[in-house]
Amino acid sequence: MERSPKTVRWVGPARRDLKTFPKAVQRRIGQALYAAQCGEEYPTVKALKGFGGRSVLEIVADHESDTWRVVYTVRFADTLYVLHAFQKKSKKGIATPKIELELIQKRLAAAERDHRERQN
């Protein structure tokens, strides 16, 4: 029996931010998000360090010497929450900047609250 894709919920301005990305990047990220909805993992997805395991993931898309990222969580069986979409601008390695990690942490807490409320 085939399962239907998970529902996608956007936290904060993540969806609006994604729509500012180049169209080619939006397409690649859309494909990766759809794979996640279907329980699969796209090749450009990796676990985001500092969030324990593989429940918070990021899609990395390079385009014309820029890097774009979308962070989402699969902690919930029925819903995929997109937490953040941003262009990585730091030239100091591949690490996600601390300010971005703090924002992701806040949005993850908001997603957990939203999911709890929807269960009641």
C-alpha atoms as a PDB file:
ATOM      1  CA  MET A   1       0.000   0.000   0.000  1.00  0.00           C
ATOM      2  CA  GLU A   2       1.399   3.374  -0.999  1.00  0.00           C
ATOM      3  CA  ARG A   3       1.409   6.130   1.618  1.00  0.00           C
ATOM      4  CA  SER A   4       0.342   9.621   0.736  1.00  0.00           C
ATOM      5  CA  PRO A   5       3.000  12.348   1.042  1.00  0.00           C
ATOM      6  CA  LYS A   6       3.396  14.150   4.357  1.00  0.00           C
ATOM      7  CA  THR A   7       1.785  17.548   4.737  1.00  0.00           C
ATOM      8  CA  VAL A   8       4.215  20.469   4.493  1.00  0.00           C
ATOM      9  CA  ARG A   9       3.931  23.322   6.978  1.00  0.00           C
ATOM     10  CA  TRP A  10       6.070  26.443   6.696  1.00  0.00           C
ATOM     11  CA  VAL A  11       7.407  28.152   9.819  1.00  0.00           C
ATOM     12  CA  GLY A  12       7.844  31.921   9.828  1.00  0.00           C
ATOM     13  CA  PRO A  13       8.824  33.478   6.493  1.00  0.00           C
ATOM     14  CA  ALA A  14      10.556  30.316   5.167  1.00  0.00           C
ATOM     15  CA  ARG A  15       8.237  29.976   2.165  1.00  0.00           C
ATOM     16  CA  ARG A  16       8.481  33.658   1.245  1.00  0.00           C
ATOM     17  CA  ASP A  17      12.268  33.478   1.568  1.00  0.00           C
ATOM     18  CA  LEU A  18      12.446  30.402  -0.685  1.00  0.00           C
ATOM     19  CA  LYS A  19      10.494  32.266  -3.381  1.00  0.00           C
ATOM     20  CA  THR A  20      13.321  34.843  -3.580  1.00  0.00           C
ATOM     21  CA  PHE A  21      15.847  32.150  -4.598  1.00  0.00           C
ATOM     22  CA  PRO A  22      16.790  31.699  -8.276  1.00  0.00           C
ATOM     23  CA  LYS A  23      14.207  29.569 -10.129  1.00  0.00           C
ATOM     24  CA  ALA A  24      16.680  26.732 -10.751  1.00  0.00           C
ATOM     25  CA  VAL A  25      17.413  26.566  -7.015  1.00  0.00           C
ATOM     26  CA  GLN A  26      13.697  26.639  -6.174  1.00  0.00           C
ATOM     27  CA  ARG A  27      13.150  23.656  -8.490  1.00  0.00           C
ATOM     28  CA  ARG A  28      15.951  21.595  -6.938  1.00  0.00           C
ATOM     29  CA  ILE A  29      14.792  22.394  -3.420  1.00  0.00           C
ATOM     30  CA  GLY A  30      11.204  21.586  -4.379  1.00  0.00           C
ATOM     31  CA  GLN A  31      12.300  18.179  -5.658  1.00  0.00           C
ATOM     32  CA  ALA A  32      14.208  17.503  -2.427  1.00  0.00           C
ATOM     33  CA  LEU A  33      11.233  18.571  -0.283  1.00  0.00           C
ATOM     34  CA  TYR A  34       8.885  16.354  -2.266  1.00  0.00           C
ATOM     35  CA  ALA A  35      11.242  13.403  -1.778  1.00  0.00           C
ATOM     36  CA  ALA A  36      11.210  14.129   1.975  1.00  0.00           C
ATOM     37  CA  GLN A  37       7.402  14.258   1.940  1.00  0.00           C
ATOM     38  CA  CYS A  38       7.447  10.770   0.414  1.00  0.00           C
ATOM     39  CA  GLY A  39       9.860   9.445   3.052  1.00  0.00           C
ATOM     40  CA  GLU A  40      12.919   9.525   0.811  1.00  0.00           C
ATOM     41  CA  GLU A  41      16.146  11.482   1.109  1.00  0.00           C
ATOM     42  CA  TYR A  42      17.422  13.514  -1.837  1.00  0.00           C
ATOM     43  CA  PRO A  43      21.198  13.341  -2.561  1.00  0.00           C
ATOM     44  CA  THR A  44      21.781  16.999  -1.570  1.00  0.00           C
ATOM     45  CA  VAL A  45      20.316  16.532   1.925  1.00  0.00           C
ATOM     46  CA  LYS A  46      22.434  16.180   5.051  1.00  0.00           C
ATOM     47  CA  ALA A  47      21.820  16.170   8.793  1.00  0.00           C
ATOM     48  CA  LEU A  48      22.188  19.569  10.432  1.00  0.00           C
ATOM     49  CA  LYS A  49      24.772  19.265  13.202  1.00  0.00           C
ATOM     50  CA  GLY A  50      23.754  20.143  16.733  1.00  0.00           C
ATOM     51  CA  PHE A  51      20.173  18.880  16.516  1.00  0.00           C
ATOM     52  CA  GLY A  52      20.709  15.249  17.469  1.00  0.00           C
ATOM     53  CA  GLY A  53      20.575  12.657  14.745  1.00  0.00           C
ATOM     54  CA  ARG A  54      18.760  12.972  11.455  1.00  0.00           C
ATOM     55  CA  SER A  55      15.518  14.661  12.471  1.00  0.00           C
ATOM     56  CA  VAL A  56      16.613  18.160  11.365  1.00  0.00           C
ATOM     57  CA  LEU A  57      17.959  18.152   7.827  1.00  0.00           C
ATOM     58  CA  GLU A  58      19.210  20.691   5.348  1.00  0.00           C
ATOM     59  CA  ILE A  59      19.073  20.833   1.592  1.00  0.00           C
ATOM     60  CA  VAL A  60      22.156  22.417   0.058  1.00  0.00           C
ATOM     61  CA  ALA A  61      21.895  23.884  -3.437  1.00  0.00           C
ATOM     62  CA  ASP A  62      24.825  25.555  -5.169  1.00  0.00           C
ATOM     63  CA  HIS A  63      24.109  27.978  -8.005  1.00  0.00           C
ATOM     64  CA  GLU A  64      26.497  30.332  -9.806  1.00  0.00           C
ATOM     65  CA  SER A  65      29.071  30.313  -6.971  1.00  0.00           C
ATOM     66  CA  ASP A  66      26.408  30.910  -4.295  1.00  0.00           C
ATOM     67  CA  THR A  67      25.031  28.419  -1.792  1.00  0.00           C
ATOM     68  CA  TRP A  68      21.377  28.243  -0.804  1.00  0.00           C
ATOM     69  CA  ARG A  69      20.008  26.214   2.083  1.00  0.00           C
ATOM     70  CA  VAL A  70      16.627  25.069   3.310  1.00  0.00           C
ATOM     71  CA  VAL A  71      16.274  23.454   6.726  1.00  0.00           C
ATOM     72  CA  TYR A  72      13.376  21.179   7.629  1.00  0.00           C
ATOM     73  CA  THR A  73      12.408  18.633  10.250  1.00  0.00           C
ATOM     74  CA  VAL A  74      10.985  15.150   9.870  1.00  0.00           C
ATOM     75  CA  ARG A  75      10.425  14.661  13.627  1.00  0.00           C
ATOM     76  CA  PHE A  76       6.697  14.232  13.113  1.00  0.00           C
ATOM     77  CA  ALA A  77       5.189  11.198  11.405  1.00  0.00           C
ATOM     78  CA  ASP A  78       2.531  13.079   9.430  1.00  0.00           C
ATOM     79  CA  THR A  79       4.030  16.535   8.836  1.00  0.00           C
ATOM     80  CA  LEU A  80       7.213  17.980   7.383  1.00  0.00           C
ATOM     81  CA  TYR A  81       8.011  21.436   8.805  1.00  0.00           C
ATOM     82  CA  VAL A  82      10.187  23.759   6.722  1.00  0.00           C
ATOM     83  CA  LEU A  83      12.033  25.865   9.297  1.00  0.00           C
ATOM     84  CA  HIS A  84      14.327  28.194   7.371  1.00  0.00           C
ATOM     85  CA  ALA A  85      15.455  29.138   3.864  1.00  0.00           C
ATOM     86  CA  PHE A  86      18.540  31.276   3.398  1.00  0.00           C
ATOM     87  CA  GLN A  87      21.563  32.056   1.275  1.00  0.00           C
ATOM     88  CA  LYS A  88      24.813  31.071   2.928  1.00  0.00           C
ATOM     89  CA  LYS A  89      27.060  34.101   2.751  1.00  0.00           C
ATOM     90  CA  SER A  90      29.813  33.226   5.210  1.00  0.00           C
ATOM     91  CA  LYS A  91      33.154  32.554   3.598  1.00  0.00           C
ATOM     92  CA  LYS A  92      34.454  30.761   6.706  1.00  0.00           C
ATOM     93  CA  GLY A  93      34.079  27.131   5.698  1.00  0.00           C
ATOM     94  CA  ILE A  94      30.862  25.186   5.369  1.00  0.00           C
ATOM     95  CA  ALA A  95      29.562  25.605   8.917  1.00  0.00           C
ATOM     96  CA  THR A  96      26.133  27.157   9.361  1.00  0.00           C
ATOM     97  CA  PRO A  97      26.500  30.566  11.043  1.00  0.00           C
ATOM     98  CA  LYS A  98      25.491  30.716  14.729  1.00  0.00           C
ATOM     99  CA  ILE A  99      22.775  33.313  14.109  1.00  0.00           C
ATOM    100  CA  GLU A 100      21.129  30.969  11.574  1.00  0.00           C
ATOM    101  CA  LEU A 101      21.337  28.027  14.012  1.00  0.00           C
ATOM    102  CA  GLU A 102      19.674  30.092  16.748  1.00  0.00           C
ATOM    103  CA  LEU A 103      16.857  31.045  14.369  1.00  0.00           C
ATOM    104  CA  ILE A 104      16.416  27.402  13.351  1.00  0.00           C
ATOM    105  CA  GLN A 105      16.232  26.389  17.031  1.00  0.00           C
ATOM    106  CA  LYS A 106      13.461  28.961  17.679  1.00  0.00           C
ATOM    107  CA  ARG A 107      11.507  27.857  14.639  1.00  0.00           C
ATOM    108  CA  LEU A 108      11.885  24.199  15.597  1.00  0.00           C
ATOM    109  CA  ALA A 109      10.336  25.025  18.992  1.00  0.00           C
ATOM    110  CA  ALA A 110       7.490  26.821  17.159  1.00  0.00           C
ATOM    111  CA  ALA A 111       6.962  23.746  14.944  1.00  0.00           C
ATOM    112  CA  GLU A 112       6.820  21.506  18.011  1.00  0.00           C
ATOM    113  CA  ARG A 113       4.198  23.786  19.592  1.00  0.00           C
ATOM    114  CA  ASP A 114       2.182  23.859  16.370  1.00  0.00           C
ATOM    115  CA  HIS A 115       2.271  20.083  16.052  1.00  0.00           C
ATOM    116  CA  ARG A 116       1.232  19.598  19.692  1.00  0.00           C
ATOM    117  CA  GLU A 117      -1.701  22.000  19.241  1.00  0.00           C
ATOM    118  CA  ARG A 118      -2.843  20.210  16.092  1.00  0.00           C
ATOM    119  CA  GLN A 119      -2.889  16.891  17.950  1.00  0.00           C
ATOM    120  CA  ASN A 120      -5.425  18.234  20.475  1.00  0.00           C
END
